N, C-alpha and C. Protein backbone atom coordinates (compact mmCIF):
# COMPACT_ATOMS: atom_id res chain seq x y z
N UNK A 1 83.95 157.36 -55.49
CA UNK A 1 83.18 157.39 -54.23
C UNK A 1 81.90 156.63 -54.44
N UNK A 2 81.63 155.67 -53.59
CA UNK A 2 80.47 154.84 -53.77
C UNK A 2 79.21 155.55 -53.33
N UNK A 3 78.14 155.02 -53.75
CA UNK A 3 76.85 155.59 -53.40
C UNK A 3 76.59 155.41 -51.91
N UNK A 4 76.19 156.46 -51.27
CA UNK A 4 75.85 156.40 -49.85
C UNK A 4 77.03 156.51 -48.94
N UNK A 5 78.28 156.62 -49.47
CA UNK A 5 79.45 156.74 -48.61
C UNK A 5 79.71 158.19 -48.30
N UNK A 6 80.38 158.46 -47.19
CA UNK A 6 80.71 159.83 -46.79
C UNK A 6 81.87 160.32 -47.60
N UNK A 7 81.88 161.62 -47.86
CA UNK A 7 83.00 162.17 -48.61
C UNK A 7 84.28 162.04 -47.80
N UNK A 8 85.44 161.93 -48.52
CA UNK A 8 86.72 161.80 -47.80
C UNK A 8 86.93 162.94 -46.82
N UNK A 9 87.47 162.62 -45.62
CA UNK A 9 87.79 163.65 -44.61
C UNK A 9 86.63 164.10 -43.78
N UNK A 10 85.42 163.61 -44.08
CA UNK A 10 84.27 164.05 -43.29
C UNK A 10 84.14 163.19 -42.04
N UNK A 11 83.71 163.80 -40.90
CA UNK A 11 83.56 163.08 -39.63
C UNK A 11 82.23 162.37 -39.59
N UNK A 12 82.27 161.19 -38.96
CA UNK A 12 81.02 160.45 -38.81
C UNK A 12 80.18 161.09 -37.73
N UNK A 13 78.93 161.31 -37.98
CA UNK A 13 78.08 161.93 -36.93
C UNK A 13 77.93 160.99 -35.74
N UNK A 14 77.97 161.57 -34.51
CA UNK A 14 77.79 160.79 -33.28
C UNK A 14 76.60 161.33 -32.53
N UNK A 15 76.01 160.46 -31.70
CA UNK A 15 74.85 160.86 -30.91
C UNK A 15 75.30 161.18 -29.50
N UNK A 16 74.79 162.25 -28.93
CA UNK A 16 75.13 162.65 -27.56
C UNK A 16 74.70 161.54 -26.59
N UNK A 17 75.56 161.20 -25.58
CA UNK A 17 75.19 160.10 -24.65
C UNK A 17 73.84 160.28 -24.00
N UNK A 18 73.54 161.52 -23.61
CA UNK A 18 72.24 161.74 -22.96
C UNK A 18 71.09 161.44 -23.89
N UNK A 19 71.29 161.82 -25.16
CA UNK A 19 70.24 161.55 -26.12
C UNK A 19 70.11 160.06 -26.38
N UNK A 20 71.28 159.36 -26.28
CA UNK A 20 71.25 157.92 -26.51
C UNK A 20 70.51 157.21 -25.39
N UNK A 21 70.64 157.73 -24.13
CA UNK A 21 69.97 157.07 -23.01
C UNK A 21 68.50 157.43 -22.90
N UNK A 22 68.13 158.49 -23.51
CA UNK A 22 66.75 158.90 -23.41
C UNK A 22 66.54 159.81 -22.20
N UNK A 23 65.36 160.19 -21.88
CA UNK A 23 65.09 161.09 -20.74
C UNK A 23 65.41 160.42 -19.41
N UNK A 24 65.87 161.25 -18.41
CA UNK A 24 66.22 160.72 -17.09
C UNK A 24 65.00 160.14 -16.40
N UNK A 25 65.26 159.04 -15.64
CA UNK A 25 64.17 158.39 -14.92
C UNK A 25 63.83 159.20 -13.68
N UNK A 26 62.60 159.23 -13.28
CA UNK A 26 62.23 159.94 -12.05
C UNK A 26 62.82 159.24 -10.82
N UNK A 27 63.11 159.98 -9.72
CA UNK A 27 63.67 159.36 -8.51
C UNK A 27 62.71 158.31 -7.96
N UNK A 28 63.27 157.28 -7.29
CA UNK A 28 62.39 156.25 -6.71
C UNK A 28 61.39 156.87 -5.75
N UNK A 29 60.25 156.27 -5.67
CA UNK A 29 59.20 156.82 -4.81
C UNK A 29 59.59 156.75 -3.34
N UNK A 30 60.48 155.78 -2.98
CA UNK A 30 60.84 155.62 -1.57
C UNK A 30 62.09 156.40 -1.18
N UNK A 31 62.62 157.25 -2.06
CA UNK A 31 63.83 158.02 -1.76
C UNK A 31 63.65 158.93 -0.55
N UNK A 32 62.58 159.70 -0.43
CA UNK A 32 62.44 160.55 0.78
C UNK A 32 62.46 159.74 2.07
N UNK A 33 61.81 158.59 2.06
CA UNK A 33 61.79 157.76 3.27
C UNK A 33 63.19 157.24 3.58
N UNK A 34 63.96 156.86 2.53
CA UNK A 34 65.33 156.37 2.74
C UNK A 34 66.21 157.47 3.30
N UNK A 35 66.11 158.68 2.77
CA UNK A 35 66.90 159.80 3.27
C UNK A 35 66.54 160.12 4.73
N UNK A 36 65.27 160.04 5.05
CA UNK A 36 64.84 160.29 6.43
C UNK A 36 65.41 159.24 7.36
N UNK A 37 65.46 157.98 6.88
CA UNK A 37 66.02 156.90 7.70
C UNK A 37 67.50 157.12 7.95
N UNK A 38 68.23 157.54 6.91
CA UNK A 38 69.66 157.82 7.05
C UNK A 38 69.88 158.94 8.07
N UNK A 39 69.07 159.98 7.97
CA UNK A 39 69.19 161.10 8.91
C UNK A 39 68.92 160.63 10.34
N UNK A 40 67.92 159.78 10.52
CA UNK A 40 67.60 159.27 11.86
C UNK A 40 68.75 158.42 12.40
N UNK A 41 69.35 157.59 11.54
CA UNK A 41 70.47 156.76 11.97
C UNK A 41 71.68 157.61 12.37
N UNK A 42 71.93 158.67 11.63
CA UNK A 42 73.05 159.56 11.96
C UNK A 42 72.82 160.23 13.31
N UNK A 43 71.59 160.64 13.60
CA UNK A 43 71.29 161.24 14.90
C UNK A 43 71.43 160.20 16.01
N UNK A 44 71.03 158.95 15.74
CA UNK A 44 71.15 157.88 16.73
C UNK A 44 72.61 157.59 17.04
N UNK A 45 73.45 157.55 16.01
CA UNK A 45 74.88 157.32 16.20
C UNK A 45 75.51 158.44 17.03
N UNK A 46 75.13 159.69 16.72
CA UNK A 46 75.66 160.82 17.48
C UNK A 46 75.26 160.73 18.95
N UNK A 47 74.03 160.31 19.23
CA UNK A 47 73.57 160.17 20.62
C UNK A 47 74.34 159.07 21.34
N UNK A 48 74.59 157.95 20.64
CA UNK A 48 75.34 156.86 21.25
C UNK A 48 76.77 157.26 21.53
N UNK A 49 77.37 158.03 20.63
CA UNK A 49 78.75 158.48 20.85
C UNK A 49 78.81 159.44 22.04
N UNK A 50 77.81 160.29 22.18
CA UNK A 50 77.77 161.20 23.33
C UNK A 50 77.62 160.42 24.63
N UNK A 51 76.74 159.41 24.63
CA UNK A 51 76.56 158.58 25.82
C UNK A 51 77.85 157.84 26.18
N UNK A 52 78.55 157.34 25.16
CA UNK A 52 79.83 156.66 25.40
C UNK A 52 80.83 157.59 26.05
N UNK A 53 80.92 158.82 25.55
CA UNK A 53 81.87 159.78 26.11
C UNK A 53 81.51 160.14 27.55
N UNK A 54 80.20 160.27 27.82
CA UNK A 54 79.78 160.59 29.18
C UNK A 54 80.11 159.45 30.14
N UNK A 55 79.88 158.21 29.70
CA UNK A 55 80.18 157.05 30.53
C UNK A 55 81.68 156.92 30.77
N UNK A 56 82.47 157.21 29.74
CA UNK A 56 83.93 157.16 29.90
C UNK A 56 84.38 158.21 30.91
N UNK A 57 83.77 159.39 30.85
CA UNK A 57 84.13 160.44 31.82
C UNK A 57 83.75 160.04 33.23
N UNK A 58 82.57 159.42 33.39
CA UNK A 58 82.14 158.98 34.73
C UNK A 58 83.06 157.88 35.25
N UNK A 59 83.51 157.00 34.35
CA UNK A 59 84.40 155.92 34.76
C UNK A 59 85.73 156.48 35.25
N UNK A 60 86.23 157.50 34.58
CA UNK A 60 87.49 158.11 34.99
C UNK A 60 87.34 158.76 36.37
N UNK A 61 86.18 159.34 36.64
CA UNK A 61 85.97 159.95 37.95
C UNK A 61 86.01 158.91 39.07
N UNK A 62 85.58 157.69 38.77
CA UNK A 62 85.57 156.62 39.78
C UNK A 62 86.92 155.92 39.86
N UNK A 63 87.47 155.56 38.71
CA UNK A 63 88.69 154.75 38.67
C UNK A 63 89.96 155.56 38.54
N UNK A 64 89.84 156.83 38.15
CA UNK A 64 91.04 157.59 37.86
C UNK A 64 91.69 157.09 36.59
N UNK A 65 92.89 157.58 36.32
CA UNK A 65 93.63 157.16 35.14
C UNK A 65 95.01 156.66 35.55
N UNK A 66 95.49 155.60 34.88
CA UNK A 66 96.84 155.12 35.19
C UNK A 66 97.86 156.24 35.05
N UNK A 67 98.76 156.32 36.01
CA UNK A 67 99.76 157.38 36.02
C UNK A 67 101.10 156.85 35.50
N UNK A 68 101.77 157.62 34.65
CA UNK A 68 103.09 157.19 34.19
C UNK A 68 104.11 157.27 35.33
N UNK A 69 105.12 156.44 35.25
CA UNK A 69 106.17 156.47 36.26
C UNK A 69 106.97 157.75 36.09
N UNK A 70 107.13 158.54 37.15
CA UNK A 70 107.89 159.79 37.05
C UNK A 70 109.34 159.54 36.68
N UNK A 71 109.89 160.44 35.91
CA UNK A 71 111.31 160.33 35.56
C UNK A 71 112.15 160.70 36.78
N UNK A 72 113.25 160.00 36.95
CA UNK A 72 114.15 160.29 38.05
C UNK A 72 113.61 159.90 39.41
N UNK A 73 112.63 159.00 39.46
CA UNK A 73 112.04 158.58 40.73
C UNK A 73 113.08 157.82 41.56
N UNK A 74 113.08 158.08 42.86
CA UNK A 74 114.01 157.39 43.75
C UNK A 74 113.75 155.88 43.68
N UNK A 75 114.79 155.05 43.62
CA UNK A 75 114.61 153.60 43.52
C UNK A 75 113.78 153.00 44.64
N UNK A 76 113.72 153.66 45.80
CA UNK A 76 112.96 153.10 46.93
C UNK A 76 111.48 152.96 46.62
N UNK A 77 110.98 153.72 45.66
CA UNK A 77 109.55 153.68 45.34
C UNK A 77 109.19 152.62 44.30
N UNK A 78 110.18 151.93 43.77
CA UNK A 78 109.93 150.93 42.73
C UNK A 78 110.51 149.59 43.16
N UNK A 79 110.21 148.59 42.37
CA UNK A 79 110.76 147.26 42.65
C UNK A 79 112.24 147.21 42.28
N UNK A 80 113.05 146.41 43.00
CA UNK A 80 112.67 145.50 44.10
C UNK A 80 112.70 146.15 45.48
N UNK A 81 113.13 147.44 45.52
CA UNK A 81 113.29 148.09 46.83
C UNK A 81 111.96 148.22 47.56
N UNK A 82 110.85 148.42 46.82
CA UNK A 82 109.56 148.60 47.47
C UNK A 82 109.20 147.38 48.31
N UNK A 83 109.32 146.19 47.73
CA UNK A 83 108.98 144.97 48.48
C UNK A 83 109.89 144.81 49.69
N UNK A 84 111.18 145.08 49.52
CA UNK A 84 112.10 144.96 50.65
C UNK A 84 111.73 145.93 51.77
N UNK A 85 111.32 147.13 51.40
CA UNK A 85 110.94 148.13 52.41
C UNK A 85 109.72 147.66 53.19
N UNK A 86 108.70 147.16 52.49
CA UNK A 86 107.49 146.69 53.15
C UNK A 86 107.79 145.50 54.04
N UNK A 87 108.57 144.57 53.53
CA UNK A 87 108.91 143.38 54.32
C UNK A 87 109.68 143.75 55.58
N UNK A 88 110.60 144.70 55.48
CA UNK A 88 111.37 145.13 56.65
C UNK A 88 110.47 145.79 57.69
N UNK A 89 109.48 146.55 57.23
CA UNK A 89 108.56 147.20 58.16
C UNK A 89 107.63 146.19 58.82
N UNK A 90 107.31 145.10 58.14
CA UNK A 90 106.44 144.08 58.70
C UNK A 90 107.16 143.14 59.65
N UNK A 91 108.47 143.05 59.53
CA UNK A 91 109.23 142.06 60.29
C UNK A 91 109.08 142.25 61.79
N UNK A 92 108.83 143.47 62.23
CA UNK A 92 108.75 143.73 63.67
C UNK A 92 107.39 143.37 64.26
N UNK A 93 106.42 143.00 63.43
CA UNK A 93 105.08 142.71 63.94
C UNK A 93 104.59 141.39 63.36
N UNK A 94 104.61 140.32 64.14
CA UNK A 94 104.17 139.01 63.63
C UNK A 94 102.68 138.94 63.32
N UNK A 95 101.92 139.95 63.73
CA UNK A 95 100.48 139.95 63.46
C UNK A 95 100.14 140.58 62.11
N UNK A 96 101.16 140.98 61.37
CA UNK A 96 100.97 141.55 60.04
C UNK A 96 101.55 140.60 58.99
N UNK A 97 100.76 140.34 57.95
CA UNK A 97 101.18 139.40 56.91
C UNK A 97 101.05 140.06 55.54
N UNK A 98 102.13 140.03 54.77
CA UNK A 98 102.11 140.59 53.42
C UNK A 98 101.39 139.63 52.49
N UNK A 99 100.31 140.11 51.85
CA UNK A 99 99.54 139.28 50.93
C UNK A 99 99.99 139.44 49.48
N UNK A 100 100.52 140.59 49.14
CA UNK A 100 100.96 140.78 47.76
C UNK A 100 101.43 142.19 47.49
N UNK A 101 102.07 142.36 46.34
CA UNK A 101 102.61 143.65 45.89
C UNK A 101 102.17 143.85 44.45
N UNK A 102 101.80 145.08 44.10
CA UNK A 102 101.40 145.42 42.74
C UNK A 102 102.14 146.67 42.30
N UNK A 103 103.08 146.48 41.38
CA UNK A 103 103.83 147.61 40.82
C UNK A 103 103.56 147.73 39.32
N UNK A 104 102.38 147.31 38.89
CA UNK A 104 102.04 147.38 37.48
C UNK A 104 101.96 148.83 37.01
N UNK A 105 101.64 149.74 37.92
CA UNK A 105 101.62 151.17 37.60
C UNK A 105 102.02 151.96 38.83
N UNK A 106 102.26 153.24 38.64
CA UNK A 106 102.71 154.09 39.75
C UNK A 106 101.50 154.59 40.54
N UNK A 107 101.60 154.57 41.90
CA UNK A 107 102.72 154.07 42.70
C UNK A 107 102.56 152.58 43.00
N UNK A 108 103.66 151.96 43.46
CA UNK A 108 103.56 150.58 43.94
C UNK A 108 102.61 150.54 45.13
N UNK A 109 101.83 149.48 45.21
CA UNK A 109 100.96 149.28 46.36
C UNK A 109 101.16 147.87 46.90
N UNK A 110 100.83 147.68 48.16
CA UNK A 110 100.92 146.37 48.79
C UNK A 110 99.65 146.16 49.60
N UNK A 111 99.31 144.90 49.81
CA UNK A 111 98.16 144.57 50.63
C UNK A 111 98.63 143.69 51.78
N UNK A 112 98.25 144.09 53.00
CA UNK A 112 98.70 143.43 54.22
C UNK A 112 97.48 143.01 55.02
N UNK A 113 97.55 141.83 55.63
CA UNK A 113 96.49 141.41 56.53
C UNK A 113 96.97 141.59 57.97
N UNK A 114 96.09 142.16 58.80
CA UNK A 114 96.41 142.35 60.21
C UNK A 114 95.58 141.40 61.05
N UNK A 115 96.24 140.68 61.95
CA UNK A 115 95.56 139.73 62.82
C UNK A 115 95.41 140.27 64.24
N UNK A 116 95.74 141.54 64.43
CA UNK A 116 95.64 142.15 65.76
C UNK A 116 94.22 142.52 66.11
N UNK A 117 94.01 143.01 67.33
CA UNK A 117 92.68 143.42 67.80
C UNK A 117 92.18 144.58 66.95
N UNK A 118 91.17 144.31 66.16
CA UNK A 118 90.52 145.30 65.30
C UNK A 118 91.50 145.96 64.34
N UNK A 119 92.71 145.47 64.30
CA UNK A 119 93.68 146.01 63.34
C UNK A 119 94.11 147.42 63.62
N UNK A 120 93.85 147.95 64.80
CA UNK A 120 94.12 149.36 65.06
C UNK A 120 95.58 149.70 65.21
N UNK A 121 96.25 149.11 66.22
CA UNK A 121 97.62 149.49 66.53
C UNK A 121 98.59 149.05 65.43
N UNK A 122 98.39 147.85 64.90
CA UNK A 122 99.31 147.33 63.90
C UNK A 122 99.47 148.23 62.69
N UNK A 123 98.37 148.61 62.00
CA UNK A 123 98.49 149.47 60.83
C UNK A 123 99.14 150.82 61.13
N UNK A 124 98.80 151.44 62.26
CA UNK A 124 99.39 152.74 62.57
C UNK A 124 100.88 152.62 62.80
N UNK A 125 101.30 151.57 63.54
CA UNK A 125 102.72 151.36 63.76
C UNK A 125 103.42 151.02 62.44
N UNK A 126 102.72 150.33 61.54
CA UNK A 126 103.28 150.00 60.24
C UNK A 126 103.62 151.27 59.47
N UNK A 127 102.74 152.23 59.51
CA UNK A 127 103.01 153.49 58.82
C UNK A 127 104.26 154.17 59.34
N UNK A 128 104.43 154.15 60.65
CA UNK A 128 105.63 154.76 61.23
C UNK A 128 106.89 154.02 60.80
N UNK A 129 106.84 152.70 60.80
CA UNK A 129 108.02 151.92 60.43
C UNK A 129 108.35 152.08 58.94
N UNK A 130 107.32 152.21 58.12
CA UNK A 130 107.57 152.46 56.70
C UNK A 130 108.30 153.78 56.51
N UNK A 131 107.86 154.80 57.24
CA UNK A 131 108.54 156.09 57.17
C UNK A 131 109.99 155.98 57.60
N UNK A 132 110.25 155.20 58.66
CA UNK A 132 111.62 155.02 59.14
C UNK A 132 112.47 154.29 58.09
N UNK A 133 111.89 153.28 57.45
CA UNK A 133 112.62 152.54 56.43
C UNK A 133 112.99 153.45 55.24
N UNK A 134 112.08 154.30 54.85
CA UNK A 134 112.36 155.21 53.73
C UNK A 134 113.37 156.28 54.14
N UNK A 135 113.28 156.75 55.39
CA UNK A 135 114.25 157.73 55.87
C UNK A 135 115.65 157.15 55.86
N UNK A 136 115.74 155.86 56.19
CA UNK A 136 117.05 155.21 56.19
C UNK A 136 117.63 155.12 54.78
N UNK A 137 116.77 155.25 53.77
CA UNK A 137 117.23 155.23 52.37
C UNK A 137 117.46 156.63 51.82
N UNK A 138 117.45 157.61 52.72
CA UNK A 138 117.76 158.98 52.32
C UNK A 138 116.58 159.83 51.92
N UNK A 139 115.37 159.38 52.21
CA UNK A 139 114.17 160.14 51.85
C UNK A 139 113.65 160.88 53.08
N UNK A 140 113.72 162.21 53.04
CA UNK A 140 113.35 163.00 54.21
C UNK A 140 111.86 163.28 54.29
N UNK A 141 111.15 163.26 53.17
CA UNK A 141 109.72 163.57 53.18
C UNK A 141 108.96 162.60 52.29
N UNK A 142 108.97 161.31 52.63
CA UNK A 142 108.29 160.32 51.78
C UNK A 142 106.78 160.38 51.94
N UNK A 143 106.10 159.95 50.90
CA UNK A 143 104.64 159.84 50.96
C UNK A 143 104.25 158.42 51.34
N UNK A 144 103.68 158.25 52.52
CA UNK A 144 103.25 156.94 53.00
C UNK A 144 101.74 156.96 53.17
N UNK A 145 101.04 156.16 52.38
CA UNK A 145 99.59 156.09 52.47
C UNK A 145 99.12 154.75 52.97
N UNK A 146 98.17 154.76 53.93
CA UNK A 146 97.59 153.52 54.45
C UNK A 146 96.08 153.57 54.28
N UNK A 147 95.52 152.46 53.83
CA UNK A 147 94.07 152.31 53.70
C UNK A 147 93.67 151.10 54.53
N UNK A 148 92.83 151.29 55.53
CA UNK A 148 92.44 150.20 56.41
C UNK A 148 90.98 149.85 56.15
N UNK A 149 90.71 148.57 55.92
CA UNK A 149 89.36 148.10 55.68
C UNK A 149 89.08 146.94 56.62
N UNK A 150 87.96 147.02 57.35
CA UNK A 150 87.59 145.98 58.31
C UNK A 150 86.24 145.37 57.94
N UNK A 151 86.15 144.06 58.10
CA UNK A 151 84.90 143.35 57.80
C UNK A 151 84.68 142.30 58.87
N UNK A 152 83.52 142.34 59.47
CA UNK A 152 83.18 141.34 60.47
C UNK A 152 82.87 140.02 59.77
N UNK A 153 83.62 138.99 60.12
CA UNK A 153 83.41 137.69 59.51
C UNK A 153 82.24 136.96 60.14
N UNK A 154 82.07 135.69 59.80
CA UNK A 154 80.99 134.89 60.40
C UNK A 154 81.09 134.87 61.92
N UNK A 155 79.97 134.62 62.56
CA UNK A 155 79.94 134.63 64.03
C UNK A 155 80.98 133.66 64.60
N UNK A 156 81.72 134.16 65.59
CA UNK A 156 82.74 133.35 66.22
C UNK A 156 84.10 133.43 65.57
N UNK A 157 84.22 134.24 64.51
CA UNK A 157 85.51 134.39 63.84
C UNK A 157 86.05 135.80 64.06
N UNK A 158 87.35 135.95 63.86
CA UNK A 158 87.98 137.25 64.01
C UNK A 158 87.61 138.15 62.82
N UNK A 159 87.48 139.46 63.03
CA UNK A 159 87.24 140.36 61.90
C UNK A 159 88.41 140.31 60.92
N UNK A 160 88.08 140.49 59.66
CA UNK A 160 89.10 140.54 58.63
C UNK A 160 89.57 141.99 58.50
N UNK A 161 90.85 142.21 58.69
CA UNK A 161 91.40 143.55 58.56
C UNK A 161 92.48 143.55 57.48
N UNK A 162 92.27 144.33 56.46
CA UNK A 162 93.22 144.44 55.36
C UNK A 162 93.75 145.87 55.32
N UNK A 163 95.04 145.98 55.08
CA UNK A 163 95.70 147.28 55.05
C UNK A 163 96.36 147.46 53.68
N UNK A 164 95.93 148.49 52.97
CA UNK A 164 96.58 148.84 51.71
C UNK A 164 97.71 149.82 51.98
N UNK A 165 98.82 149.63 51.30
CA UNK A 165 100.00 150.47 51.49
C UNK A 165 100.40 151.05 50.14
N UNK A 166 100.67 152.34 50.10
CA UNK A 166 101.19 152.99 48.90
C UNK A 166 102.31 153.93 49.31
N UNK A 167 103.41 153.86 48.60
CA UNK A 167 104.55 154.74 48.84
C UNK A 167 104.77 155.57 47.59
N UNK A 168 104.85 156.88 47.75
CA UNK A 168 105.04 157.74 46.59
C UNK A 168 105.87 158.96 46.97
N UNK A 169 106.41 159.58 45.97
CA UNK A 169 107.16 160.82 46.15
C UNK A 169 106.18 161.99 46.01
N UNK A 170 105.87 162.71 47.09
CA UNK A 170 104.87 163.80 47.01
C UNK A 170 105.21 164.83 45.95
N UNK A 171 106.50 165.08 45.73
CA UNK A 171 106.89 166.09 44.76
C UNK A 171 106.66 165.65 43.33
N UNK A 172 106.49 164.35 43.09
CA UNK A 172 106.33 163.82 41.74
C UNK A 172 105.00 163.10 41.55
N UNK A 173 104.07 163.33 42.45
CA UNK A 173 102.78 162.65 42.37
C UNK A 173 101.67 163.68 42.12
N UNK A 174 100.99 163.63 40.98
CA UNK A 174 99.92 164.59 40.70
C UNK A 174 98.74 164.37 41.64
N UNK A 175 97.95 165.42 41.90
CA UNK A 175 96.81 165.30 42.82
C UNK A 175 95.79 164.24 42.41
N UNK A 176 95.56 164.07 41.09
CA UNK A 176 94.54 163.11 40.67
C UNK A 176 95.00 161.67 40.79
N UNK A 177 96.25 161.46 41.21
CA UNK A 177 96.73 160.10 41.43
C UNK A 177 96.00 159.44 42.59
N UNK A 178 95.50 160.25 43.53
CA UNK A 178 94.82 159.70 44.70
C UNK A 178 93.59 158.88 44.30
N UNK A 179 92.83 159.37 43.34
CA UNK A 179 91.64 158.65 42.89
C UNK A 179 92.00 157.28 42.36
N UNK A 180 93.04 157.22 41.57
CA UNK A 180 93.46 155.95 40.98
C UNK A 180 93.96 154.99 42.06
N UNK A 181 94.73 155.49 43.01
CA UNK A 181 95.25 154.62 44.07
C UNK A 181 94.12 154.12 44.95
N UNK A 182 93.16 154.99 45.28
CA UNK A 182 91.99 154.55 46.05
C UNK A 182 91.29 153.39 45.35
N UNK A 183 91.09 153.54 44.04
CA UNK A 183 90.36 152.51 43.29
C UNK A 183 91.15 151.22 43.22
N UNK A 184 92.45 151.29 42.97
CA UNK A 184 93.27 150.07 42.87
C UNK A 184 93.24 149.29 44.18
N UNK A 185 93.42 149.99 45.28
CA UNK A 185 93.45 149.31 46.57
C UNK A 185 92.06 148.78 46.92
N UNK A 186 91.02 149.56 46.64
CA UNK A 186 89.66 149.10 46.93
C UNK A 186 89.29 147.85 46.15
N UNK A 187 89.64 147.81 44.86
CA UNK A 187 89.34 146.64 44.04
C UNK A 187 90.12 145.42 44.52
N UNK A 188 91.37 145.63 44.84
CA UNK A 188 92.21 144.51 45.30
C UNK A 188 91.73 144.00 46.66
N UNK A 189 91.35 144.92 47.53
CA UNK A 189 90.85 144.53 48.85
C UNK A 189 89.59 143.67 48.71
N UNK A 190 88.67 144.08 47.86
CA UNK A 190 87.45 143.30 47.65
C UNK A 190 87.76 141.92 47.09
N UNK A 191 88.70 141.84 46.16
CA UNK A 191 89.07 140.56 45.57
C UNK A 191 89.66 139.62 46.63
N UNK A 192 90.58 140.14 47.43
CA UNK A 192 91.21 139.30 48.46
C UNK A 192 90.19 138.87 49.51
N UNK A 193 89.29 139.77 49.89
CA UNK A 193 88.27 139.43 50.88
C UNK A 193 87.39 138.30 50.38
N UNK A 194 87.03 138.34 49.10
CA UNK A 194 86.23 137.26 48.52
C UNK A 194 87.01 135.94 48.52
N UNK A 195 88.29 136.01 48.18
CA UNK A 195 89.10 134.79 48.14
C UNK A 195 89.26 134.17 49.52
N UNK A 196 89.28 135.03 50.54
CA UNK A 196 89.40 134.52 51.91
C UNK A 196 88.07 134.01 52.45
N UNK A 197 87.00 134.17 51.67
CA UNK A 197 85.72 133.60 52.02
C UNK A 197 84.95 134.36 53.08
N UNK A 198 85.24 135.65 53.26
CA UNK A 198 84.53 136.40 54.30
C UNK A 198 83.71 137.54 53.72
N UNK A 199 83.50 137.50 52.41
CA UNK A 199 82.66 138.52 51.81
C UNK A 199 83.43 139.80 51.54
N UNK A 200 82.93 140.64 50.63
CA UNK A 200 83.63 141.88 50.31
C UNK A 200 83.58 142.87 51.46
N UNK A 201 84.70 143.54 51.74
CA UNK A 201 84.71 144.54 52.81
C UNK A 201 84.10 145.84 52.32
N UNK A 202 83.82 146.77 53.21
CA UNK A 202 83.33 148.08 52.77
C UNK A 202 84.43 148.80 52.03
N UNK A 203 84.07 149.91 51.39
CA UNK A 203 85.05 150.66 50.63
C UNK A 203 86.23 151.05 51.50
N UNK A 204 87.42 150.88 50.96
CA UNK A 204 88.62 151.21 51.73
C UNK A 204 88.65 152.70 52.02
N UNK A 205 89.24 153.05 53.14
CA UNK A 205 89.37 154.47 53.47
C UNK A 205 90.72 154.69 54.13
N UNK A 206 91.30 155.88 53.95
CA UNK A 206 92.63 156.16 54.51
C UNK A 206 92.60 156.09 56.03
N UNK A 207 93.59 155.46 56.60
CA UNK A 207 93.70 155.41 58.05
C UNK A 207 94.11 156.78 58.57
N UNK A 208 93.39 157.36 59.52
CA UNK A 208 93.74 158.72 59.98
C UNK A 208 95.07 158.72 60.72
């Protein structure tokens, strides 16, 4: 055994890691300020999330929510029968013009322009004819909704009268669907009125 060597089988002494690193360093002087900033940011995020949820809730109250298509819905309420039904009801009145159909969600809606005097008689008769068309397809209690919106155009021009049409099955239509249908027809009416160059009409309202 050489001088200064460890005896056979003896373990080499090791130094504890903490002792090797020395005493722990004190926390940074700016740590309390950093923690306070993190806490403030977390409170700010929570406030923003609450505001987002409140705005989303308010938006739903105005626009409603898209409704799923009911299972087993009668074909008359969907395409292509919906368009055929509306066209057949319009055929008897040359003063009514179909501007478009939207079946992107339930229920299908249509927008019609009336060229009659103040649009009064035409839309009401349209509702009756729509009911007759649906009855002919075997529907005894169809839901026929009409929204009439009138806007006085420039001086010397006829008033713009737009009629929104919605056909639905009352037994398969939830009550909150009305809000969504009101909003869809109102938005579409405003868009068409702008395109026709006569300014946006007032909010659509159901024809009594």
